[in-house]
All heavy atoms as atom14 arrays in JSON, in Angstrom:
{
  "sequence": "TLSQVLDIAARRTTGEKPIRLTCVFTEGEKLYAFRFADDGQAPTLY",
  "atom14_mask": [
    [1, 1, 1, 1, 1, 1, 1, 0, 0, 0, 0, 0, 0, 0],
    [1, 1, 1, 1, 1, 1, 1, 1, 0, 0, 0, 0, 0, 0],
    [1, 1, 1, 1, 1, 1, 0, 0, 0, 0, 0, 0, 0, 0],
    [1, 1, 1, 1, 1, 1, 1, 1, 1, 0, 0, 0, 0, 0],
    [1, 1, 1, 1, 1, 1, 1, 0, 0, 0, 0, 0, 0, 0],
    [1, 1, 1, 1, 1, 1, 1, 1, 0, 0, 0, 0, 0, 0],
    [1, 1, 1, 1, 1, 1, 1, 1, 0, 0, 0, 0, 0, 0],
    [1, 1, 1, 1, 1, 1, 1, 1, 0, 0, 0, 0, 0, 0],
    [1, 1, 1, 1, 1, 0, 0, 0, 0, 0, 0, 0, 0, 0],
    [1, 1, 1, 1, 1, 0, 0, 0, 0, 0, 0, 0, 0, 0],
    [1, 1, 1, 1, 1, 1, 1, 1, 1, 1, 1, 0, 0, 0],
    [1, 1, 1, 1, 1, 1, 1, 1, 1, 1, 1, 0, 0, 0],
    [1, 1, 1, 1, 1, 1, 1, 0, 0, 0, 0, 0, 0, 0],
    [1, 1, 1, 1, 1, 1, 1, 0, 0, 0, 0, 0, 0, 0],
    [1, 1, 1, 1, 0, 0, 0, 0, 0, 0, 0, 0, 0, 0],
    [1, 1, 1, 1, 1, 1, 1, 1, 1, 0, 0, 0, 0, 0],
    [1, 1, 1, 1, 1, 1, 1, 1, 1, 0, 0, 0, 0, 0],
    [1, 1, 1, 1, 1, 1, 1, 0, 0, 0, 0, 0, 0, 0],
    [1, 1, 1, 1, 1, 1, 1, 1, 0, 0, 0, 0, 0, 0],
    [1, 1, 1, 1, 1, 1, 1, 1, 1, 1, 1, 0, 0, 0],
    [1, 1, 1, 1, 1, 1, 1, 1, 0, 0, 0, 0, 0, 0],
    [1, 1, 1, 1, 1, 1, 1, 0, 0, 0, 0, 0, 0, 0],
    [1, 1, 1, 1, 1, 1, 0, 0, 0, 0, 0, 0, 0, 0],
    [1, 1, 1, 1, 1, 1, 1, 0, 0, 0, 0, 0, 0, 0],
    [1, 1, 1, 1, 1, 1, 1, 1, 1, 1, 1, 0, 0, 0],
    [1, 1, 1, 1, 1, 1, 1, 0, 0, 0, 0, 0, 0, 0],
    [1, 1, 1, 1, 1, 1, 1, 1, 1, 0, 0, 0, 0, 0],
    [1, 1, 1, 1, 0, 0, 0, 0, 0, 0, 0, 0, 0, 0],
    [1, 1, 1, 1, 1, 1, 1, 1, 1, 0, 0, 0, 0, 0],
    [1, 1, 1, 1, 1, 1, 1, 1, 1, 0, 0, 0, 0, 0],
    [1, 1, 1, 1, 1, 1, 1, 1, 0, 0, 0, 0, 0, 0],
    [1, 1, 1, 1, 1, 1, 1, 1, 1, 1, 1, 1, 0, 0],
    [1, 1, 1, 1, 1, 0, 0, 0, 0, 0, 0, 0, 0, 0],
    [1, 1, 1, 1, 1, 1, 1, 1, 1, 1, 1, 0, 0, 0],
    [1, 1, 1, 1, 1, 1, 1, 1, 1, 1, 1, 0, 0, 0],
    [1, 1, 1, 1, 1, 1, 1, 1, 1, 1, 1, 0, 0, 0],
    [1, 1, 1, 1, 1, 0, 0, 0, 0, 0, 0, 0, 0, 0],
    [1, 1, 1, 1, 1, 1, 1, 1, 0, 0, 0, 0, 0, 0],
    [1, 1, 1, 1, 1, 1, 1, 1, 0, 0, 0, 0, 0, 0],
    [1, 1, 1, 1, 0, 0, 0, 0, 0, 0, 0, 0, 0, 0],
    [1, 1, 1, 1, 1, 1, 1, 1, 1, 0, 0, 0, 0, 0],
    [1, 1, 1, 1, 1, 0, 0, 0, 0, 0, 0, 0, 0, 0],
    [1, 1, 1, 1, 1, 1, 1, 0, 0, 0, 0, 0, 0, 0],
    [1, 1, 1, 1, 1, 1, 1, 0, 0, 0, 0, 0, 0, 0],
    [1, 1, 1, 1, 1, 1, 1, 1, 0, 0, 0, 0, 0, 0],
    [1, 1, 1, 1, 1, 1, 1, 1, 1, 1, 1, 1, 0, 0]
  ],
  "atom14_positions": [
    [[-0.24, 12.22, 11.54], [0.05, 10.89, 12.14], [1.53, 10.8, 12.5], [1.86, 10.33, 13.61], [-0.29, 9.86, 11.11], [-1.68, 9.89, 10.79], [0.02, 8.43, 11.65], [0.0, 0.0, 0.0], [0.0, 0.0, 0.0], [0.0, 0.0, 0.0], [0.0, 0.0, 0.0], [0.0, 0.0, 0.0], [0.0, 0.0, 0.0], [0.0, 0.0, 0.0]],
    [[2.45, 11.18, 11.65], [3.86, 11.24, 12.0], [4.12, 12.07, 13.19], [4.9, 11.67, 14.14], [4.72, 11.67, 10.85], [4.93, 10.69, 9.69], [5.63, 11.35, 8.51], [5.82, 9.53, 10.19], [0.0, 0.0, 0.0], [0.0, 0.0, 0.0], [0.0, 0.0, 0.0], [0.0, 0.0, 0.0], [0.0, 0.0, 0.0], [0.0, 0.0, 0.0]],
    [[3.5, 13.23, 13.29], [3.72, 14.15, 14.4], [3.23, 13.49, 15.72], [3.89, 13.6, 16.76], [3.06, 15.52, 14.13], [3.57, 16.14, 13.0], [0.0, 0.0, 0.0], [0.0, 0.0, 0.0], [0.0, 0.0, 0.0], [0.0, 0.0, 0.0], [0.0, 0.0, 0.0], [0.0, 0.0, 0.0], [0.0, 0.0, 0.0], [0.0, 0.0, 0.0]],
    [[2.05, 12.82, 15.63], [1.55, 12.23, 16.84], [2.4, 11.11, 17.29], [2.72, 10.97, 18.54], [0.16, 11.7, 16.55], [-0.89, 12.63, 16.43], [-2.26, 12.09, 15.96], [-2.32, 11.12, 15.23], [-3.38, 12.71, 16.44], [0.0, 0.0, 0.0], [0.0, 0.0, 0.0], [0.0, 0.0, 0.0], [0.0, 0.0, 0.0], [0.0, 0.0, 0.0]],
    [[2.91, 10.26, 16.4], [3.75, 9.09, 16.78], [5.05, 9.63, 17.4], [5.52, 9.11, 18.44], [4.0, 8.18, 15.54], [5.06, 7.14, 15.93], [2.72, 7.53, 15.13], [0.0, 0.0, 0.0], [0.0, 0.0, 0.0], [0.0, 0.0, 0.0], [0.0, 0.0, 0.0], [0.0, 0.0, 0.0], [0.0, 0.0, 0.0], [0.0, 0.0, 0.0]],
    [[5.64, 10.64, 16.77], [6.95, 11.2, 17.36], [6.71, 11.82, 18.64], [7.56, 11.69, 19.51], [7.46, 12.19, 16.32], [8.01, 11.6, 14.97], [8.42, 12.7, 14.0], [9.25, 10.7, 15.24], [0.0, 0.0, 0.0], [0.0, 0.0, 0.0], [0.0, 0.0, 0.0], [0.0, 0.0, 0.0], [0.0, 0.0, 0.0], [0.0, 0.0, 0.0]],
    [[5.59, 12.44, 18.84], [5.31, 13.09, 20.11], [5.14, 12.06, 21.21], [5.7, 12.19, 22.31], [4.08, 13.94, 20.01], [3.59, 14.51, 21.39], [4.34, 15.31, 21.84], [2.57, 14.12, 21.9], [0.0, 0.0, 0.0], [0.0, 0.0, 0.0], [0.0, 0.0, 0.0], [0.0, 0.0, 0.0], [0.0, 0.0, 0.0], [0.0, 0.0, 0.0]],
    [[4.39, 10.97, 20.94], [4.18, 9.87, 21.89], [5.56, 9.33, 22.2], [5.9, 9.02, 23.38], [3.22, 8.91, 21.33], [1.81, 9.52, 21.17], [3.1, 7.72, 22.36], [0.9, 8.62, 20.44], [0.0, 0.0, 0.0], [0.0, 0.0, 0.0], [0.0, 0.0, 0.0], [0.0, 0.0, 0.0], [0.0, 0.0, 0.0], [0.0, 0.0, 0.0]],
    [[6.36, 9.0, 21.18], [7.62, 8.4, 21.44], [8.55, 9.27, 22.24], [9.33, 8.74, 23.14], [8.3, 8.08, 20.11], [0.0, 0.0, 0.0], [0.0, 0.0, 0.0], [0.0, 0.0, 0.0], [0.0, 0.0, 0.0], [0.0, 0.0, 0.0], [0.0, 0.0, 0.0], [0.0, 0.0, 0.0], [0.0, 0.0, 0.0], [0.0, 0.0, 0.0]],
    [[8.55, 10.51, 22.08], [9.36, 11.47, 22.82], [8.95, 11.44, 24.25], [9.87, 11.62, 25.18], [9.24, 12.92, 22.21], [0.0, 0.0, 0.0], [0.0, 0.0, 0.0], [0.0, 0.0, 0.0], [0.0, 0.0, 0.0], [0.0, 0.0, 0.0], [0.0, 0.0, 0.0], [0.0, 0.0, 0.0], [0.0, 0.0, 0.0], [0.0, 0.0, 0.0]],
    [[7.68, 11.25, 24.61], [7.25, 11.29, 25.96], [7.3, 9.84, 26.66], [7.54, 9.82, 27.85], [5.78, 11.71, 26.0], [5.64, 13.25, 25.66], [4.24, 13.71, 25.92], [3.28, 13.24, 24.82], [2.45, 12.24, 24.95], [2.34, 11.53, 26.08], [1.61, 11.95, 23.95], [0.0, 0.0, 0.0], [0.0, 0.0, 0.0], [0.0, 0.0, 0.0]],
    [[7.23, 8.8, 25.87], [7.0, 7.46, 26.42], [8.33, 6.62, 26.37], [8.46, 5.55, 27.02], [5.95, 6.72, 25.7], [4.58, 7.37, 25.84], [3.98, 7.15, 27.23], [2.58, 7.64, 27.28], [1.9, 7.59, 28.41], [2.43, 7.01, 29.49], [0.63, 7.98, 28.39], [0.0, 0.0, 0.0], [0.0, 0.0, 0.0], [0.0, 0.0, 0.0]],
    [[9.28, 6.98, 25.5], [10.46, 6.13, 25.34], [11.73, 6.94, 25.57], [11.79, 8.2, 25.77], [10.52, 5.6, 23.9], [10.92, 6.62, 22.97], [9.18, 5.09, 23.48], [0.0, 0.0, 0.0], [0.0, 0.0, 0.0], [0.0, 0.0, 0.0], [0.0, 0.0, 0.0], [0.0, 0.0, 0.0], [0.0, 0.0, 0.0], [0.0, 0.0, 0.0]],
    [[12.86, 6.19, 25.64], [14.15, 6.81, 25.79], [14.74, 7.35, 24.55], [15.78, 8.08, 24.57], [15.12, 5.78, 26.44], [15.32, 4.75, 25.49], [14.61, 5.23, 27.73], [0.0, 0.0, 0.0], [0.0, 0.0, 0.0], [0.0, 0.0, 0.0], [0.0, 0.0, 0.0], [0.0, 0.0, 0.0], [0.0, 0.0, 0.0], [0.0, 0.0, 0.0]],
    [[14.16, 7.01, 23.36], [14.63, 7.47, 22.16], [15.8, 6.63, 21.62], [16.44, 6.94, 20.53], [0.0, 0.0, 0.0], [0.0, 0.0, 0.0], [0.0, 0.0, 0.0], [0.0, 0.0, 0.0], [0.0, 0.0, 0.0], [0.0, 0.0, 0.0], [0.0, 0.0, 0.0], [0.0, 0.0, 0.0], [0.0, 0.0, 0.0], [0.0, 0.0, 0.0]],
    [[16.2, 5.55, 22.26], [17.33, 4.73, 21.83], [16.94, 3.85, 20.66], [17.87, 3.57, 19.84], [17.76, 3.89, 23.02], [18.3, 4.65, 24.19], [18.69, 3.74, 25.34], [18.56, 2.49, 25.18], [19.23, 4.24, 26.36], [0.0, 0.0, 0.0], [0.0, 0.0, 0.0], [0.0, 0.0, 0.0], [0.0, 0.0, 0.0], [0.0, 0.0, 0.0]],
    [[15.7, 3.53, 20.47], [15.31, 2.7, 19.39], [14.61, 3.53, 18.33], [13.59, 4.25, 18.61], [14.38, 1.56, 19.86], [15.02, 0.58, 20.77], [14.06, -0.53, 21.21], [14.76, -1.45, 22.17], [13.83, -2.54, 22.59], [0.0, 0.0, 0.0], [0.0, 0.0, 0.0], [0.0, 0.0, 0.0], [0.0, 0.0, 0.0], [0.0, 0.0, 0.0]],
    [[15.12, 3.58, 17.15], [14.61, 4.48, 16.11], [13.19, 4.13, 15.57], [12.77, 3.02, 15.65], [15.64, 4.41, 14.92], [16.2, 2.96, 15.08], [16.21, 2.75, 16.6], [0.0, 0.0, 0.0], [0.0, 0.0, 0.0], [0.0, 0.0, 0.0], [0.0, 0.0, 0.0], [0.0, 0.0, 0.0], [0.0, 0.0, 0.0], [0.0, 0.0, 0.0]],
    [[12.61, 5.16, 14.95], [11.35, 5.04, 14.25], [11.69, 5.08, 12.74], [12.19, 6.16, 12.29], [10.33, 6.18, 14.6], [9.87, 5.92, 16.07], [9.15, 6.09, 13.66], [9.01, 7.05, 16.59], [0.0, 0.0, 0.0], [0.0, 0.0, 0.0], [0.0, 0.0, 0.0], [0.0, 0.0, 0.0], [0.0, 0.0, 0.0], [0.0, 0.0, 0.0]],
    [[11.47, 4.01, 12.04], [11.87, 4.0, 10.64], [10.65, 3.51, 9.83], [10.18, 2.41, 10.05], [13.1, 2.99, 10.42], [14.36, 3.44, 11.12], [15.49, 2.43, 10.96], [16.67, 2.9, 11.62], [17.81, 2.09, 11.88], [17.7, 0.82, 11.6], [18.84, 2.66, 12.43], [0.0, 0.0, 0.0], [0.0, 0.0, 0.0], [0.0, 0.0, 0.0]],
    [[10.25, 4.32, 8.87], [9.05, 4.06, 8.13], [9.27, 4.25, 6.67], [9.58, 5.39, 6.21], [7.9, 5.02, 8.62], [7.54, 4.94, 10.08], [6.72, 6.17, 10.48], [6.7, 3.67, 10.4], [0.0, 0.0, 0.0], [0.0, 0.0, 0.0], [0.0, 0.0, 0.0], [0.0, 0.0, 0.0], [0.0, 0.0, 0.0], [0.0, 0.0, 0.0]],
    [[9.11, 3.25, 5.83], [9.02, 3.35, 4.45], [7.69, 2.68, 4.06], [7.51, 1.44, 4.24], [10.2, 2.66, 3.77], [11.43, 3.43, 4.0], [9.99, 2.6, 2.2], [0.0, 0.0, 0.0], [0.0, 0.0, 0.0], [0.0, 0.0, 0.0], [0.0, 0.0, 0.0], [0.0, 0.0, 0.0], [0.0, 0.0, 0.0], [0.0, 0.0, 0.0]],
    [[6.76, 3.46, 3.57], [5.44, 3.02, 3.35], [4.95, 3.37, 1.95], [5.35, 4.35, 1.37], [4.5, 3.66, 4.35], [4.97, 3.43, 6.1], [0.0, 0.0, 0.0], [0.0, 0.0, 0.0], [0.0, 0.0, 0.0], [0.0, 0.0, 0.0], [0.0, 0.0, 0.0], [0.0, 0.0, 0.0], [0.0, 0.0, 0.0], [0.0, 0.0, 0.0]],
    [[4.11, 2.48, 1.49], [3.38, 2.67, 0.16], [1.9, 2.39, 0.46], [1.57, 1.39, 1.04], [3.91, 1.78, -0.9], [3.11, 2.1, -2.25], [5.43, 2.01, -1.19], [0.0, 0.0, 0.0], [0.0, 0.0, 0.0], [0.0, 0.0, 0.0], [0.0, 0.0, 0.0], [0.0, 0.0, 0.0], [0.0, 0.0, 0.0], [0.0, 0.0, 0.0]],
    [[0.99, 3.29, -0.03], [-0.46, 3.04, 0.16], [-1.22, 3.62, -0.98], [-0.7, 4.43, -1.82], [-0.9, 3.64, 1.47], [-0.38, 5.04, 1.8], [-1.28, 6.13, 1.65], [0.84, 5.28, 2.31], [-0.81, 7.42, 1.97], [1.37, 6.5, 2.58], [0.51, 7.6, 2.43], [0.0, 0.0, 0.0], [0.0, 0.0, 0.0], [0.0, 0.0, 0.0]],
    [[-2.42, 3.19, -1.14], [-3.25, 3.56, -2.26], [-4.68, 3.51, -1.98], [-5.15, 2.7, -1.17], [-2.93, 2.7, -3.58], [-3.72, 3.11, -4.66], [-3.26, 1.2, -3.23], [0.0, 0.0, 0.0], [0.0, 0.0, 0.0], [0.0, 0.0, 0.0], [0.0, 0.0, 0.0], [0.0, 0.0, 0.0], [0.0, 0.0, 0.0], [0.0, 0.0, 0.0]],
    [[-5.5, 4.33, -2.68], [-6.95, 4.28, -2.63], [-7.46, 3.63, -3.93], [-8.73, 3.63, -4.15], [-7.49, 5.68, -2.41], [-7.77, 6.55, -3.65], [-6.52, 6.97, -4.4], [-5.5, 6.27, -4.47], [-6.52, 8.14, -4.82], [0.0, 0.0, 0.0], [0.0, 0.0, 0.0], [0.0, 0.0, 0.0], [0.0, 0.0, 0.0], [0.0, 0.0, 0.0]],
    [[-6.6, 3.09, -4.8], [-7.02, 2.43, -5.93], [-6.87, 3.25, -7.22], [-7.13, 2.77, -8.35], [0.0, 0.0, 0.0], [0.0, 0.0, 0.0], [0.0, 0.0, 0.0], [0.0, 0.0, 0.0], [0.0, 0.0, 0.0], [0.0, 0.0, 0.0], [0.0, 0.0, 0.0], [0.0, 0.0, 0.0], [0.0, 0.0, 0.0], [0.0, 0.0, 0.0]],
    [[-6.4, 4.51, -7.1], [-6.2, 5.42, -8.19], [-4.75, 5.88, -8.33], [-4.19, 5.95, -9.4], [-7.15, 6.6, -8.14], [-8.68, 6.26, -8.24], [-8.98, 5.53, -9.53], [-8.34, 5.91, -10.58], [-9.98, 4.71, -9.58], [0.0, 0.0, 0.0], [0.0, 0.0, 0.0], [0.0, 0.0, 0.0], [0.0, 0.0, 0.0], [0.0, 0.0, 0.0]],
    [[-4.19, 6.26, -7.21], [-2.87, 6.81, -7.2], [-2.02, 5.95, -6.11], [-2.58, 5.38, -5.22], [-2.82, 8.27, -6.75], [-3.54, 9.19, -7.67], [-3.55, 10.63, -7.17], [-4.25, 11.56, -8.14], [-4.37, 12.97, -7.55], [0.0, 0.0, 0.0], [0.0, 0.0, 0.0], [0.0, 0.0, 0.0], [0.0, 0.0, 0.0], [0.0, 0.0, 0.0]],
    [[-0.74, 6.01, -6.26], [0.2, 5.41, -5.3], [0.79, 6.54, -4.47], [1.27, 7.51, -5.05], [1.28, 4.61, -5.99], [0.89, 3.23, -6.6], [1.97, 2.61, -7.35], [0.35, 2.27, -5.53], [0.0, 0.0, 0.0], [0.0, 0.0, 0.0], [0.0, 0.0, 0.0], [0.0, 0.0, 0.0], [0.0, 0.0, 0.0], [0.0, 0.0, 0.0]],
    [[0.87, 6.37, -3.2], [1.48, 7.29, -2.23], [2.65, 6.54, -1.54], [2.46, 5.4, -1.19], [0.47, 7.79, -1.18], [-0.72, 8.57, -1.76], [-1.81, 7.82, -2.26], [-0.73, 9.93, -1.82], [-2.91, 8.53, -2.76], [-1.81, 10.6, -2.39], [-2.92, 9.85, -2.81], [-4.02, 10.5, -3.33], [0.0, 0.0, 0.0], [0.0, 0.0, 0.0]],
    [[3.78, 7.27, -1.44], [4.91, 6.62, -0.74], [5.78, 7.7, -0.05], [5.83, 8.82, -0.45], [5.75, 5.91, -1.86], [0.0, 0.0, 0.0], [0.0, 0.0, 0.0], [0.0, 0.0, 0.0], [0.0, 0.0, 0.0], [0.0, 0.0, 0.0], [0.0, 0.0, 0.0], [0.0, 0.0, 0.0], [0.0, 0.0, 0.0], [0.0, 0.0, 0.0]],
    [[6.4, 7.2, 1.0], [7.36, 8.1, 1.7], [8.33, 7.24, 2.48], [8.18, 6.04, 2.78], [6.62, 9.02, 2.68], [6.08, 8.34, 3.91], [6.77, 8.24, 5.05], [4.81, 7.75, 3.95], [6.36, 7.62, 6.25], [4.36, 7.09, 5.03], [5.17, 7.07, 6.25], [0.0, 0.0, 0.0], [0.0, 0.0, 0.0], [0.0, 0.0, 0.0]],
    [[9.49, 7.89, 2.75], [10.57, 7.31, 3.61], [10.79, 8.35, 4.7], [10.99, 9.56, 4.45], [11.83, 7.12, 2.81], [11.78, 6.11, 1.64], [13.07, 6.1, 0.9], [14.19, 5.71, 1.69], [15.36, 6.31, 1.75], [15.6, 7.35, 1.04], [16.3, 5.82, 2.5], [0.0, 0.0, 0.0], [0.0, 0.0, 0.0], [0.0, 0.0, 0.0]],
    [[10.86, 7.82, 5.98], [11.09, 8.66, 7.11], [11.8, 7.91, 8.2], [11.46, 6.79, 8.4], [9.83, 9.29, 7.66], [10.03, 10.06, 8.98], [10.45, 11.4, 8.9], [9.9, 9.41, 10.2], [10.77, 12.04, 10.11], [10.1, 10.1, 11.36], [10.58, 11.42, 11.3], [0.0, 0.0, 0.0], [0.0, 0.0, 0.0], [0.0, 0.0, 0.0]],
    [[12.82, 8.52, 8.84], [13.38, 7.89, 10.03], [13.98, 8.97, 10.92], [14.53, 9.96, 10.45], [14.53, 6.97, 9.59], [0.0, 0.0, 0.0], [0.0, 0.0, 0.0], [0.0, 0.0, 0.0], [0.0, 0.0, 0.0], [0.0, 0.0, 0.0], [0.0, 0.0, 0.0], [0.0, 0.0, 0.0], [0.0, 0.0, 0.0], [0.0, 0.0, 0.0]],
    [[13.7, 8.87, 12.22], [14.18, 9.91, 13.1], [15.7, 9.79, 13.38], [16.29, 10.69, 13.99], [13.41, 9.85, 14.48], [13.5, 8.52, 15.17], [14.28, 7.64, 14.79], [12.79, 8.39, 16.22], [0.0, 0.0, 0.0], [0.0, 0.0, 0.0], [0.0, 0.0, 0.0], [0.0, 0.0, 0.0], [0.0, 0.0, 0.0], [0.0, 0.0, 0.0]],
    [[16.35, 8.73, 12.83], [17.82, 8.65, 12.9], [18.45, 8.83, 11.53], [19.69, 8.54, 11.4], [18.25, 7.31, 13.54], [17.85, 6.14, 12.7], [17.12, 6.28, 11.74], [18.27, 5.01, 13.03], [0.0, 0.0, 0.0], [0.0, 0.0, 0.0], [0.0, 0.0, 0.0], [0.0, 0.0, 0.0], [0.0, 0.0, 0.0], [0.0, 0.0, 0.0]],
    [[17.62, 9.2, 10.54], [18.21, 9.41, 9.18], [18.46, 8.19, 8.42], [19.15, 8.23, 7.33], [0.0, 0.0, 0.0], [0.0, 0.0, 0.0], [0.0, 0.0, 0.0], [0.0, 0.0, 0.0], [0.0, 0.0, 0.0], [0.0, 0.0, 0.0], [0.0, 0.0, 0.0], [0.0, 0.0, 0.0], [0.0, 0.0, 0.0], [0.0, 0.0, 0.0]],
    [[17.97, 6.98, 8.88], [18.28, 5.76, 8.18], [17.04, 5.01, 7.81], [16.75, 3.91, 8.21], [19.12, 4.82, 9.09], [20.53, 5.42, 9.47], [21.38, 4.57, 10.28], [21.5, 3.33, 9.95], [21.92, 5.02, 11.38], [0.0, 0.0, 0.0], [0.0, 0.0, 0.0], [0.0, 0.0, 0.0], [0.0, 0.0, 0.0], [0.0, 0.0, 0.0]],
    [[16.23, 5.65, 6.99], [15.0, 5.1, 6.48], [15.27, 3.93, 5.54], [16.19, 3.92, 4.77], [14.16, 6.18, 5.82], [0.0, 0.0, 0.0], [0.0, 0.0, 0.0], [0.0, 0.0, 0.0], [0.0, 0.0, 0.0], [0.0, 0.0, 0.0], [0.0, 0.0, 0.0], [0.0, 0.0, 0.0], [0.0, 0.0, 0.0], [0.0, 0.0, 0.0]],
    [[14.52, 2.89, 5.61], [14.63, 1.77, 4.72], [14.5, 2.24, 3.26], [13.87, 3.2, 2.93], [13.5, 0.76, 5.08], [13.21, 1.07, 6.47], [13.41, 2.6, 6.65], [0.0, 0.0, 0.0], [0.0, 0.0, 0.0], [0.0, 0.0, 0.0], [0.0, 0.0, 0.0], [0.0, 0.0, 0.0], [0.0, 0.0, 0.0], [0.0, 0.0, 0.0]],
    [[15.17, 1.46, 2.33], [15.26, 1.89, 0.93], [13.92, 1.9, 0.24], [13.02, 1.06, 0.56], [16.28, 0.98, 0.22], [15.81, -0.34, 0.27], [17.63, 1.05, 0.78], [0.0, 0.0, 0.0], [0.0, 0.0, 0.0], [0.0, 0.0, 0.0], [0.0, 0.0, 0.0], [0.0, 0.0, 0.0], [0.0, 0.0, 0.0], [0.0, 0.0, 0.0]],
    [[13.82, 2.64, -0.79], [12.7, 2.68, -1.73], [13.16, 3.34, -3.01], [13.79, 4.36, -3.02], [11.46, 3.35, -1.15], [10.14, 3.17, -1.98], [9.72, 1.67, -1.95], [9.06, 4.07, -1.53], [0.0, 0.0, 0.0], [0.0, 0.0, 0.0], [0.0, 0.0, 0.0], [0.0, 0.0, 0.0], [0.0, 0.0, 0.0], [0.0, 0.0, 0.0]],
    [[12.71, 2.71, -4.17], [13.12, 3.26, -5.46], [11.85, 3.46, -6.33], [10.78, 2.84, -6.13], [13.98, 2.25, -6.22], [15.41, 2.13, -5.57], [15.57, 1.3, -4.51], [16.47, 2.95, -6.03], [16.8, 1.16, -3.91], [17.69, 2.86, -5.48], [17.91, 1.94, -4.38], [19.2, 1.86, -3.74], [0.0, 0.0, 0.0], [0.0, 0.0, 0.0]]
  ]
}
């Protein structure tokens, strides 16, 4: 998913506005979390 979004953004945008993702998700048993930003400034998570 990240690869697809970055590929679309590289083709469709100028790249001036960053992609910043800090996400948490679950299926009811485990918690999954990540931080990612193409400009190195992902929102905080602890």
